[in-house]
């Protein structure tokens, strides 16, 4: 019996199979990046990189947002949950036995380490985004990772809506914590520094321990027009990113330098 005619490959296969698009996906899996950083990292012309980024955006794998620090620039972000869903459908399209486990990444993915990884989250005011990220990562990994947060220009207090949203979403209590200044923590050793706002990313100094740098381009919920709902979205987005960060801490990939 002749085999049935092959159906068209799933969209994820079509998009990810192109060598340049795969390199862009790999770079964005590590950190949110601007076009010029991607151009430098992959060594291809800007018009070609922009063309393939548009295809990835049209396919729903990549999103873009204007820099909150420099509105002329945009940061590109890889939607890892969307990629996970696409991979699950891709395996099932080939054969039912190839359905992928869609469980969220968690501590089980860790490998033993000789010492604890040290992570620093940074935003401008250390009043919402970075303390939320600090608390969520600590909640997910316990004392297996040393984690703290700081601000390049810290506020006087945490934003009450950030405290409330985190408590309601995950039962984590930030009451009593106060913002910290980055310059007071800069001399510590860090393996990874994650900036969560564009202004902090573009003003964060090089630290003496020369940690790996990653950027999450997350808008400041305090400047949104929908009030408390913006803080709820921010907690959800940070929680998603932290879930995907946990296995990376056990086996960090090589970074494409901007």
C-alpha atoms as a PDB file:
ATOM      1  CA  UNK A   1       0.000   0.000   0.000  1.00  0.00           C
ATOM      2  CA  UNK A   2       1.353   3.376  -0.952  1.00  0.00           C
ATOM      3  CA  UNK A   3       1.803   5.823   1.935  1.00  0.00           C
ATOM      4  CA  UNK A   4      -0.747   8.616   2.267  1.00  0.00           C
ATOM      5  CA  UNK A   5       0.319  11.951   0.825  1.00  0.00           C
ATOM      6  CA  UNK A   6       2.242  13.969   3.404  1.00  0.00           C
ATOM      7  CA  UNK A   7       0.431  16.911   4.940  1.00  0.00           C
ATOM      8  CA  UNK A   8       2.112  20.295   5.167  1.00  0.00           C
ATOM      9  CA  UNK A   9       4.466  20.520   8.154  1.00  0.00           C
ATOM     10  CA  UNK A  10       3.154  22.310  11.257  1.00  0.00           C
ATOM     11  CA  UNK A  11       3.792  26.020  11.426  1.00  0.00           C
ATOM     12  CA  UNK A  12       6.387  25.671  14.205  1.00  0.00           C
ATOM     13  CA  UNK A  13       8.484  23.319  12.072  1.00  0.00           C
ATOM     14  CA  UNK A  14       8.237  25.639   9.089  1.00  0.00           C
ATOM     15  CA  UNK A  15       9.245  28.668  11.136  1.00  0.00           C
ATOM     16  CA  UNK A  16      11.945  27.142  13.331  1.00  0.00           C
ATOM     17  CA  UNK A  17      13.624  25.014  10.648  1.00  0.00           C
ATOM     18  CA  UNK A  18      15.164  28.012   8.879  1.00  0.00           C
ATOM     19  CA  UNK A  19      18.769  28.350  10.170  1.00  0.00           C
ATOM     20  CA  UNK A  20      18.622  32.114  10.744  1.00  0.00           C
ATOM     21  CA  UNK A  21      15.227  31.988  12.413  1.00  0.00           C
ATOM     22  CA  UNK A  22      16.485  29.220  14.688  1.00  0.00           C
ATOM     23  CA  UNK A  23      19.447  31.405  15.680  1.00  0.00           C
ATOM     24  CA  UNK A  24      17.081  34.288  16.417  1.00  0.00           C
ATOM     25  CA  UNK A  25      14.855  32.027  18.507  1.00  0.00           C
ATOM     26  CA  UNK A  26      17.896  30.763  20.407  1.00  0.00           C
ATOM     27  CA  UNK A  27      19.094  34.307  21.105  1.00  0.00           C
ATOM     28  CA  UNK A  28      15.658  35.428  22.288  1.00  0.00           C
ATOM     29  CA  UNK A  29      15.287  32.344  24.474  1.00  0.00           C
ATOM     30  CA  UNK A  30      18.160  33.758  26.509  1.00  0.00           C
ATOM     31  CA  UNK A  31      17.096  37.397  26.784  1.00  0.00           C
ATOM     32  CA  UNK A  32      14.855  40.080  25.316  1.00  0.00           C
ATOM     33  CA  UNK A  33      16.901  41.953  22.708  1.00  0.00           C
ATOM     34  CA  UNK A  34      16.812  44.905  20.352  1.00  0.00           C
ATOM     35  CA  UNK A  35      17.179  44.469  16.595  1.00  0.00           C
ATOM     36  CA  UNK A  36      20.698  45.871  16.491  1.00  0.00           C
ATOM     37  CA  UNK A  37      21.765  43.392  19.193  1.00  0.00           C
ATOM     38  CA  UNK A  38      20.318  40.517  17.195  1.00  0.00           C
ATOM     39  CA  UNK A  39      22.021  41.794  14.041  1.00  0.00           C
ATOM     40  CA  UNK A  40      25.363  41.861  15.846  1.00  0.00           C
ATOM     41  CA  UNK A  41      24.793  38.481  17.480  1.00  0.00           C
ATOM     42  CA  UNK A  42      23.882  36.563  14.306  1.00  0.00           C
ATOM     43  CA  UNK A  43      26.135  38.525  11.947  1.00  0.00           C
ATOM     44  CA  UNK A  44      23.498  39.162   9.291  1.00  0.00           C
ATOM     45  CA  UNK A  45      22.202  42.412   7.676  1.00  0.00           C
ATOM     46  CA  UNK A  46      19.499  44.308   9.535  1.00  0.00           C
ATOM     47  CA  UNK A  47      16.969  44.084   6.703  1.00  0.00           C
ATOM     48  CA  UNK A  48      17.306  40.284   6.653  1.00  0.00           C
ATOM     49  CA  UNK A  49      17.021  39.995  10.433  1.00  0.00           C
ATOM     50  CA  UNK A  50      13.970  42.282  10.451  1.00  0.00           C
ATOM     51  CA  UNK A  51      12.312  40.206   7.717  1.00  0.00           C
ATOM     52  CA  UNK A  52      12.702  36.968   9.681  1.00  0.00           C
ATOM     53  CA  UNK A  53      11.629  38.622  12.916  1.00  0.00           C
ATOM     54  CA  UNK A  54       8.442  39.693  11.164  1.00  0.00           C
ATOM     55  CA  UNK A  55       7.773  36.082  10.140  1.00  0.00           C
ATOM     56  CA  UNK A  56       8.297  34.945  13.732  1.00  0.00           C
ATOM     57  CA  UNK A  57       5.955  37.668  14.969  1.00  0.00           C
ATOM     58  CA  UNK A  58       3.319  36.722  12.388  1.00  0.00           C
ATOM     59  CA  UNK A  59       3.637  33.126  13.583  1.00  0.00           C
ATOM     60  CA  UNK A  60       2.977  34.179  17.160  1.00  0.00           C
ATOM     61  CA  UNK A  61       6.308  32.978  18.542  1.00  0.00           C
ATOM     62  CA  UNK A  62       7.842  36.428  19.053  1.00  0.00           C
ATOM     63  CA  UNK A  63       6.378  39.695  20.325  1.00  0.00           C
ATOM     64  CA  UNK A  64       7.796  43.216  20.283  1.00  0.00           C
ATOM     65  CA  UNK A  65       7.283  46.214  22.540  1.00  0.00           C
ATOM     66  CA  UNK A  66       8.588  49.753  22.527  1.00  0.00           C
ATOM     67  CA  UNK A  67      11.385  50.504  24.977  1.00  0.00           C
ATOM     68  CA  UNK A  68       9.985  52.339  27.981  1.00  0.00           C
ATOM     69  CA  UNK A  69      13.300  54.185  28.181  1.00  0.00           C
ATOM     70  CA  UNK A  70      13.831  55.058  24.511  1.00  0.00           C
ATOM     71  CA  UNK A  71      10.589  54.901  22.559  1.00  0.00           C
ATOM     72  CA  UNK A  72      12.473  54.795  19.255  1.00  0.00           C
ATOM     73  CA  UNK A  73      13.731  51.302  20.108  1.00  0.00           C
ATOM     74  CA  UNK A  74      11.868  48.004  20.455  1.00  0.00           C
ATOM     75  CA  UNK A  75      12.616  44.875  22.444  1.00  0.00           C
ATOM     76  CA  UNK A  76      11.797  41.457  21.005  1.00  0.00           C
ATOM     77  CA  UNK A  77      10.605  38.703  23.320  1.00  0.00           C
ATOM     78  CA  UNK A  78      10.199  34.961  22.731  1.00  0.00           C
ATOM     79  CA  UNK A  79       6.894  33.540  23.983  1.00  0.00           C
ATOM     80  CA  UNK A  80       8.172  30.302  25.526  1.00  0.00           C
ATOM     81  CA  UNK A  81       4.697  29.130  26.529  1.00  0.00           C
ATOM     82  CA  UNK A  82       3.569  29.503  22.910  1.00  0.00           C
ATOM     83  CA  UNK A  83       6.659  27.564  21.778  1.00  0.00           C
ATOM     84  CA  UNK A  84       5.863  24.809  24.267  1.00  0.00           C
ATOM     85  CA  UNK A  85       2.299  24.546  22.993  1.00  0.00           C
ATOM     86  CA  UNK A  86       3.533  24.488  19.398  1.00  0.00           C
ATOM     87  CA  UNK A  87       6.045  21.733  20.143  1.00  0.00           C
ATOM     88  CA  UNK A  88       3.327  19.673  21.804  1.00  0.00           C
ATOM     89  CA  UNK A  89       1.094  19.981  18.747  1.00  0.00           C
ATOM     90  CA  UNK A  90       4.014  19.278  16.413  1.00  0.00           C
ATOM     91  CA  UNK A  91       4.847  15.970  18.075  1.00  0.00           C
ATOM     92  CA  UNK A  92       1.219  14.882  18.119  1.00  0.00           C
ATOM     93  CA  UNK A  93       0.821  15.788  14.433  1.00  0.00           C
ATOM     94  CA  UNK A  94       3.550  13.308  13.511  1.00  0.00           C
ATOM     95  CA  UNK A  95       2.443  10.473  15.780  1.00  0.00           C
ATOM     96  CA  UNK A  96       0.273  10.227  18.925  1.00  0.00           C
ATOM     97  CA  UNK A  97       3.148   8.561  20.798  1.00  0.00           C
ATOM     98  CA  UNK A  98       5.207  11.731  20.368  1.00  0.00           C
ATOM     99  CA  UNK A  99       3.001  13.956  22.478  1.00  0.00           C
ATOM    100  CA  UNK A 100       5.304  15.994  24.680  1.00  0.00           C
ATOM    101  CA  UNK A 101       4.864  16.369  28.414  1.00  0.00           C
ATOM    102  CA  UNK A 102       3.478  19.875  28.818  1.00  0.00           C
ATOM    103  CA  UNK A 103       4.347  20.144  32.494  1.00  0.00           C
ATOM    104  CA  UNK A 104       5.769  23.535  33.465  1.00  0.00           C
ATOM    105  CA  UNK A 105       9.524  23.584  34.042  1.00  0.00           C
ATOM    106  CA  UNK A 106      10.342  23.273  37.708  1.00  0.00           C
ATOM    107  CA  UNK A 107      12.923  22.248  40.292  1.00  0.00           C
ATOM    108  CA  UNK A 108      12.962  18.654  39.003  1.00  0.00           C
ATOM    109  CA  UNK A 109      14.857  19.906  35.948  1.00  0.00           C
ATOM    110  CA  UNK A 110      17.781  21.013  38.103  1.00  0.00           C
ATOM    111  CA  UNK A 111      21.162  19.348  38.157  1.00  0.00           C
ATOM    112  CA  UNK A 112      23.281  19.166  41.284  1.00  0.00           C
ATOM    113  CA  UNK A 113      25.632  22.116  41.699  1.00  0.00           C
ATOM    114  CA  UNK A 114      28.769  22.492  43.750  1.00  0.00           C
ATOM    115  CA  UNK A 115      27.524  25.840  45.063  1.00  0.00           C
ATOM    116  CA  UNK A 116      24.338  27.829  44.961  1.00  0.00           C
ATOM    117  CA  UNK A 117      23.717  30.062  41.974  1.00  0.00           C
ATOM    118  CA  UNK A 118      23.403  33.732  42.862  1.00  0.00           C
ATOM    119  CA  UNK A 119      20.784  35.823  41.033  1.00  0.00           C
ATOM    120  CA  UNK A 120      20.174  39.573  41.177  1.00  0.00           C
ATOM    121  CA  UNK A 121      16.988  41.145  39.784  1.00  0.00           C
ATOM    122  CA  UNK A 122      17.209  44.849  38.928  1.00  0.00           C
ATOM    123  CA  UNK A 123      14.663  47.487  38.001  1.00  0.00           C
ATOM    124  CA  UNK A 124      14.684  51.238  38.501  1.00  0.00           C
ATOM    125  CA  UNK A 125      12.712  51.693  41.712  1.00  0.00           C
ATOM    126  CA  UNK A 126      12.908  48.183  43.228  1.00  0.00           C
ATOM    127  CA  UNK A 127       9.326  48.789  44.275  1.00  0.00           C
ATOM    128  CA  UNK A 128       7.386  46.335  42.073  1.00  0.00           C
ATOM    129  CA  UNK A 129       8.970  44.286  39.297  1.00  0.00           C
ATOM    130  CA  UNK A 130      12.321  43.226  40.752  1.00  0.00           C
ATOM    131  CA  UNK A 131      11.106  42.432  44.302  1.00  0.00           C
ATOM    132  CA  UNK A 132       8.236  40.430  42.792  1.00  0.00           C
ATOM    133  CA  UNK A 133      10.723  38.443  40.687  1.00  0.00           C
ATOM    134  CA  UNK A 134      12.971  37.907  43.710  1.00  0.00           C
ATOM    135  CA  UNK A 135      10.083  36.615  45.801  1.00  0.00           C
ATOM    136  CA  UNK A 136       8.719  34.309  43.084  1.00  0.00           C
ATOM    137  CA  UNK A 137      12.092  32.725  42.344  1.00  0.00           C
ATOM    138  CA  UNK A 138      12.711  32.154  46.057  1.00  0.00           C
ATOM    139  CA  UNK A 139       9.208  30.687  46.334  1.00  0.00           C
ATOM    140  CA  UNK A 140       9.897  28.239  43.485  1.00  0.00           C
ATOM    141  CA  UNK A 141      13.416  27.081  44.401  1.00  0.00           C
ATOM    142  CA  UNK A 142      13.699  27.708  48.129  1.00  0.00           C
ATOM    143  CA  UNK A 143      17.272  28.022  49.361  1.00  0.00           C
ATOM    144  CA  UNK A 144      18.774  26.269  46.345  1.00  0.00           C
ATOM    145  CA  UNK A 145      19.430  29.689  44.763  1.00  0.00           C
ATOM    146  CA  UNK A 146      20.699  32.851  46.428  1.00  0.00           C
ATOM    147  CA  UNK A 147      18.436  35.617  45.165  1.00  0.00           C
ATOM    148  CA  UNK A 148      18.074  39.322  45.851  1.00  0.00           C
ATOM    149  CA  UNK A 149      16.856  42.460  44.085  1.00  0.00           C
ATOM    150  CA  UNK A 150      17.796  46.119  43.886  1.00  0.00           C
ATOM    151  CA  UNK A 151      17.003  49.369  42.113  1.00  0.00           C
ATOM    152  CA  UNK A 152      19.193  51.794  40.234  1.00  0.00           C
ATOM    153  CA  UNK A 153      17.101  54.593  41.807  1.00  0.00           C
ATOM    154  CA  UNK A 154      15.162  52.900  44.611  1.00  0.00           C
ATOM    155  CA  UNK A 155      11.843  54.209  45.845  1.00  0.00           C
ATOM    156  CA  UNK A 156      11.043  54.769  49.503  1.00  0.00           C
ATOM    157  CA  UNK A 157       8.686  51.806  49.731  1.00  0.00           C
ATOM    158  CA  UNK A 158       7.254  48.890  47.769  1.00  0.00           C
ATOM    159  CA  UNK A 159       4.166  49.716  45.740  1.00  0.00           C
ATOM    160  CA  UNK A 160       1.140  48.485  47.718  1.00  0.00           C
ATOM    161  CA  UNK A 161      -0.541  47.143  44.575  1.00  0.00           C
ATOM    162  CA  UNK A 162       2.504  44.962  43.847  1.00  0.00           C
ATOM    163  CA  UNK A 163       2.381  43.580  47.389  1.00  0.00           C
ATOM    164  CA  UNK A 164      -1.350  42.919  47.068  1.00  0.00           C
ATOM    165  CA  UNK A 165      -1.195  41.338  43.601  1.00  0.00           C
ATOM    166  CA  UNK A 166       1.594  38.943  44.599  1.00  0.00           C
ATOM    167  CA  UNK A 167      -0.207  37.909  47.775  1.00  0.00           C
ATOM    168  CA  UNK A 168      -3.461  37.268  45.915  1.00  0.00           C
ATOM    169  CA  UNK A 169      -1.864  35.381  43.023  1.00  0.00           C
ATOM    170  CA  UNK A 170       0.676  33.202  44.829  1.00  0.00           C
ATOM    171  CA  UNK A 171       0.190  33.740  48.535  1.00  0.00           C
ATOM    172  CA  UNK A 172       3.601  35.423  48.877  1.00  0.00           C
ATOM    173  CA  UNK A 173       3.852  38.154  51.495  1.00  0.00           C
ATOM    174  CA  UNK A 174       6.180  41.079  50.726  1.00  0.00           C
ATOM    175  CA  UNK A 175       4.902  43.256  53.555  1.00  0.00           C
ATOM    176  CA  UNK A 176       7.784  44.778  55.484  1.00  0.00           C
ATOM    177  CA  UNK A 177      10.342  44.538  52.665  1.00  0.00           C
ATOM    178  CA  UNK A 178      11.904  47.799  51.582  1.00  0.00           C
ATOM    179  CA  UNK A 179      13.593  48.789  48.294  1.00  0.00           C
ATOM    180  CA  UNK A 180      17.364  48.373  48.119  1.00  0.00           C
ATOM    181  CA  UNK A 181      19.953  50.438  46.257  1.00  0.00           C
ATOM    182  CA  UNK A 182      22.016  48.666  43.606  1.00  0.00           C
ATOM    183  CA  UNK A 183      25.217  50.487  44.539  1.00  0.00           C
ATOM    184  CA  UNK A 184      25.052  48.989  48.042  1.00  0.00           C
ATOM    185  CA  UNK A 185      24.889  45.438  46.673  1.00  0.00           C
ATOM    186  CA  UNK A 186      27.166  45.772  43.642  1.00  0.00           C
ATOM    187  CA  UNK A 187      30.266  44.298  45.314  1.00  0.00           C
ATOM    188  CA  UNK A 188      28.639  40.925  45.946  1.00  0.00           C
ATOM    189  CA  UNK A 189      29.234  37.965  43.630  1.00  0.00           C
ATOM    190  CA  UNK A 190      26.437  37.215  41.182  1.00  0.00           C
ATOM    191  CA  UNK A 191      26.176  34.499  38.546  1.00  0.00           C
ATOM    192  CA  UNK A 192      23.234  36.130  36.793  1.00  0.00           C
ATOM    193  CA  UNK A 193      21.788  39.640  36.705  1.00  0.00           C
ATOM    194  CA  UNK A 194      18.277  40.019  35.284  1.00  0.00           C
ATOM    195  CA  UNK A 195      17.079  43.525  34.443  1.00  0.00           C
ATOM    196  CA  UNK A 196      13.309  43.890  34.289  1.00  0.00           C
ATOM    197  CA  UNK A 197      12.882  47.379  32.873  1.00  0.00           C
ATOM    198  CA  UNK A 198      14.438  49.031  29.863  1.00  0.00           C
ATOM    199  CA  UNK A 199      15.757  52.052  31.739  1.00  0.00           C
ATOM    200  CA  UNK A 200      17.534  49.878  34.301  1.00  0.00           C
ATOM    201  CA  UNK A 201      18.953  47.669  31.565  1.00  0.00           C
ATOM    202  CA  UNK A 202      20.426  50.631  29.736  1.00  0.00           C
ATOM    203  CA  UNK A 203      21.828  52.243  32.904  1.00  0.00           C
ATOM    204  CA  UNK A 204      22.873  49.206  34.950  1.00  0.00           C
ATOM    205  CA  UNK A 205      26.666  49.341  35.404  1.00  0.00           C
ATOM    206  CA  UNK A 206      29.051  46.452  34.908  1.00  0.00           C
ATOM    207  CA  UNK A 207      29.450  44.631  38.213  1.00  0.00           C
ATOM    208  CA  UNK A 208      32.803  43.504  39.641  1.00  0.00           C
ATOM    209  CA  UNK A 209      31.849  39.793  39.542  1.00  0.00           C
ATOM    210  CA  UNK A 210      31.140  40.027  35.771  1.00  0.00           C
ATOM    211  CA  UNK A 211      27.864  38.085  35.920  1.00  0.00           C
ATOM    212  CA  UNK A 212      25.912  36.888  32.914  1.00  0.00           C
ATOM    213  CA  UNK A 213      23.293  39.476  31.948  1.00  0.00           C
ATOM    214  CA  UNK A 214      19.717  38.792  30.842  1.00  0.00           C
ATOM    215  CA  UNK A 215      16.956  41.294  30.108  1.00  0.00           C
ATOM    216  CA  UNK A 216      13.202  41.003  30.560  1.00  0.00           C
ATOM    217  CA  UNK A 217      11.473  44.004  28.980  1.00  0.00           C
ATOM    218  CA  UNK A 218       8.483  44.451  31.303  1.00  0.00           C
ATOM    219  CA  UNK A 219       6.512  47.679  31.410  1.00  0.00           C
ATOM    220  CA  UNK A 220       6.212  49.531  34.709  1.00  0.00           C
ATOM    221  CA  UNK A 221       2.722  48.715  36.045  1.00  0.00           C
ATOM    222  CA  UNK A 222       2.721  51.948  38.044  1.00  0.00           C
ATOM    223  CA  UNK A 223       2.541  53.943  34.791  1.00  0.00           C
ATOM    224  CA  UNK A 224      -0.330  51.918  33.266  1.00  0.00           C
ATOM    225  CA  UNK A 225      -3.766  53.436  32.854  1.00  0.00           C
ATOM    226  CA  UNK A 226      -5.721  50.460  34.211  1.00  0.00           C
ATOM    227  CA  UNK A 227      -4.395  50.600  37.758  1.00  0.00           C
ATOM    228  CA  UNK A 228      -4.420  47.384  39.778  1.00  0.00           C
ATOM    229  CA  UNK A 229      -5.057  45.171  36.732  1.00  0.00           C
ATOM    230  CA  UNK A 230      -1.616  46.131  35.410  1.00  0.00           C
ATOM    231  CA  UNK A 231       0.020  44.802  38.585  1.00  0.00           C
ATOM    232  CA  UNK A 232      -1.898  41.547  38.246  1.00  0.00           C
ATOM    233  CA  UNK A 233      -0.648  41.147  34.660  1.00  0.00           C
ATOM    234  CA  UNK A 234       2.884  41.962  35.740  1.00  0.00           C
ATOM    235  CA  UNK A 235       2.869  39.300  38.461  1.00  0.00           C
ATOM    236  CA  UNK A 236       1.569  36.755  35.945  1.00  0.00           C
ATOM    237  CA  UNK A 237       4.218  37.647  33.358  1.00  0.00           C
ATOM    238  CA  UNK A 238       7.058  37.563  35.870  1.00  0.00           C
ATOM    239  CA  UNK A 239       5.859  34.222  37.228  1.00  0.00           C
ATOM    240  CA  UNK A 240       5.885  32.781  33.695  1.00  0.00           C
ATOM    241  CA  UNK A 241       9.400  34.043  33.056  1.00  0.00           C
ATOM    242  CA  UNK A 242      10.665  32.752  36.398  1.00  0.00           C
ATOM    243  CA  UNK A 243       9.231  29.293  35.679  1.00  0.00           C
ATOM    244  CA  UNK A 244      11.260  29.192  32.480  1.00  0.00           C
ATOM    245  CA  UNK A 245      14.342  30.550  34.249  1.00  0.00           C
ATOM    246  CA  UNK A 246      14.512  27.762  36.848  1.00  0.00           C
ATOM    247  CA  UNK A 247      15.921  25.031  34.549  1.00  0.00           C
ATOM    248  CA  UNK A 248      18.302  27.550  32.973  1.00  0.00           C
ATOM    249  CA  UNK A 249      19.877  28.155  36.377  1.00  0.00           C
ATOM    250  CA  UNK A 250      20.801  24.477  36.525  1.00  0.00           C
ATOM    251  CA  UNK A 251      22.230  24.365  32.997  1.00  0.00           C
ATOM    252  CA  UNK A 252      22.774  27.913  31.672  1.00  0.00           C
ATOM    253  CA  UNK A 253      23.119  28.217  27.868  1.00  0.00           C
ATOM    254  CA  UNK A 254      25.902  30.119  26.164  1.00  0.00           C
ATOM    255  CA  UNK A 255      24.872  33.702  25.665  1.00  0.00           C
ATOM    256  CA  UNK A 256      24.961  35.459  22.319  1.00  0.00           C
ATOM    257  CA  UNK A 257      26.610  38.712  23.256  1.00  0.00           C
ATOM    258  CA  UNK A 258      24.881  41.897  22.009  1.00  0.00           C
END
